[in-house]
Amino acid sequence: MITTKDKKRLSPSEFCLYECELLEGETLEGLILSSRQVDIFFVDHSNFPAWMRDEAFDHVCCHKSVSNGTINFLAPNEGSWFLIIENNGKESASLEITVNVSDQ
């Protein structure tokens, strides 16, 4: 199992991301605690460029406008997956992020 613990401060409209190389069937679990509401979602390597260009994209495991989010993501296929945490609010958000990756 791989564990990551992090603390971040996101200004309005700012985001942070974590790239994870996952095998099919691996699970990414975690907890995100925030002082403000944030959006939490995953995109795969093929949708990441569209998200970066602010174009239409597909995502999975979405939590919209949450201050506490539990993540339980089962990789449907092997490859790069991006965990994205976005502050779409009008005030800065302080985050505590814990992420664990384990195989089935």
Protein backbone atom coordinates (compact mmCIF):
# COMPACT_ATOMS: atom_id res chain seq x y z
CA MET A 1 0.00 0.00 0.00
CA ILE A 2 1.18 3.52 -0.83
CA THR A 3 0.08 6.37 1.44
CA THR A 4 0.29 10.12 0.78
CA LYS A 5 -0.54 12.81 3.33
CA ASP A 6 -0.54 16.44 2.31
CA LYS A 7 -1.70 19.89 3.38
CA LYS A 8 -2.57 22.56 0.82
CA ARG A 9 -4.10 26.00 0.62
CA LEU A 10 -6.12 26.71 -2.52
CA SER A 11 -7.05 30.22 -3.58
CA PRO A 12 -10.38 30.76 -5.35
CA SER A 13 -10.38 29.05 -8.78
CA GLU A 14 -7.16 27.18 -7.90
CA PHE A 15 -6.78 23.41 -8.03
CA CYS A 16 -4.35 20.71 -6.97
CA LEU A 17 -3.90 17.35 -8.60
CA TYR A 18 -2.30 14.02 -7.91
CA GLU A 19 -1.27 11.73 -10.74
CA CYS A 20 -1.58 8.04 -9.92
CA GLU A 21 -0.38 5.16 -12.05
CA LEU A 22 -2.95 2.46 -11.33
CA LEU A 23 -3.38 -1.09 -12.50
CA GLU A 24 -6.83 -2.36 -13.35
CA GLY A 25 -8.53 -3.28 -10.08
CA GLU A 26 -6.30 -1.21 -7.82
CA THR A 27 -8.14 0.96 -5.33
CA LEU A 28 -7.43 4.55 -4.38
CA GLU A 29 -9.02 5.43 -1.06
CA GLY A 30 -8.73 8.62 0.87
CA LEU A 31 -10.14 11.45 2.87
CA ILE A 32 -10.14 15.13 2.02
CA LEU A 33 -10.95 17.67 4.72
CA SER A 34 -11.42 21.27 3.64
CA SER A 35 -12.24 24.54 5.36
CA ARG A 36 -14.41 25.48 2.34
CA GLN A 37 -16.43 23.55 -0.21
CA VAL A 38 -14.40 22.01 -3.06
CA ASP A 39 -15.03 19.71 -6.03
CA ILE A 40 -13.27 16.32 -6.09
CA PHE A 41 -13.09 14.10 -9.19
CA PHE A 42 -10.93 11.79 -11.29
CA VAL A 43 -10.03 11.99 -14.97
CA ASP A 44 -8.00 9.51 -16.98
CA HIS A 45 -5.01 10.35 -19.18
CA SER A 46 -7.18 10.76 -22.29
CA ASN A 47 -9.53 13.31 -20.65
CA PHE A 48 -6.90 15.26 -18.72
CA PRO A 49 -5.83 17.51 -21.66
CA ALA A 50 -9.46 18.50 -22.34
CA TRP A 51 -9.95 19.38 -18.66
CA MET A 52 -6.76 21.49 -18.72
CA ARG A 53 -8.09 23.39 -21.79
CA ASP A 54 -11.46 23.93 -20.04
CA GLU A 55 -13.22 21.81 -22.68
CA ALA A 56 -15.82 19.08 -22.22
CA PHE A 57 -14.36 15.99 -20.55
CA ASP A 58 -15.48 12.76 -18.89
CA HIS A 59 -14.78 12.22 -15.21
CA VAL A 60 -15.62 9.67 -12.52
CA CYS A 61 -16.18 9.55 -8.76
CA CYS A 62 -17.28 13.15 -8.52
CA HIS A 63 -18.07 15.02 -5.29
CA LYS A 64 -19.39 18.54 -5.91
CA SER A 65 -19.27 21.30 -3.31
CA VAL A 66 -18.13 19.23 -0.32
CA SER A 67 -16.03 20.21 2.66
CA ASN A 68 -15.34 16.60 3.65
CA GLY A 69 -14.98 13.96 0.97
CA THR A 70 -14.32 10.25 1.19
CA ILE A 71 -12.72 8.72 -1.89
CA ASN A 72 -13.13 5.08 -2.89
CA PHE A 73 -12.03 4.76 -6.51
CA LEU A 74 -11.58 1.37 -8.22
CA ALA A 75 -9.48 1.75 -11.38
CA PRO A 76 -11.52 0.39 -14.31
CA ASN A 77 -8.37 0.04 -16.40
CA GLU A 78 -4.61 0.44 -16.18
CA GLY A 79 -3.07 3.84 -16.74
CA SER A 80 -2.63 7.34 -15.42
CA TRP A 81 -5.48 8.70 -13.33
CA PHE A 82 -5.61 12.25 -11.99
CA LEU A 83 -7.25 13.07 -8.68
CA ILE A 84 -8.30 16.72 -8.98
CA ILE A 85 -9.43 18.94 -6.13
CA GLU A 86 -10.82 22.28 -7.29
CA ASN A 87 -11.76 25.34 -5.26
CA ASN A 88 -14.64 26.95 -7.14
CA GLY A 89 -15.57 29.14 -4.19
CA LYS A 90 -14.88 32.81 -3.50
CA GLU A 91 -12.58 32.24 -0.50
CA SER A 92 -9.35 30.31 0.03
CA ALA A 93 -9.63 26.73 1.27
CA SER A 94 -7.23 24.89 3.58
CA LEU A 95 -7.04 21.18 2.78
CA GLU A 96 -5.82 18.05 4.53
CA ILE A 97 -5.48 15.18 2.08
CA THR A 98 -4.83 11.52 2.84
CA VAL A 99 -4.69 9.05 -0.06
CA ASN A 100 -3.95 5.30 0.00
CA VAL A 101 -3.42 3.09 -3.05
CA SER A 102 -3.73 -0.68 -2.67
CA ASP A 103 -4.32 -3.66 -4.92
CA GLN A 104 -7.47 -5.77 -4.59
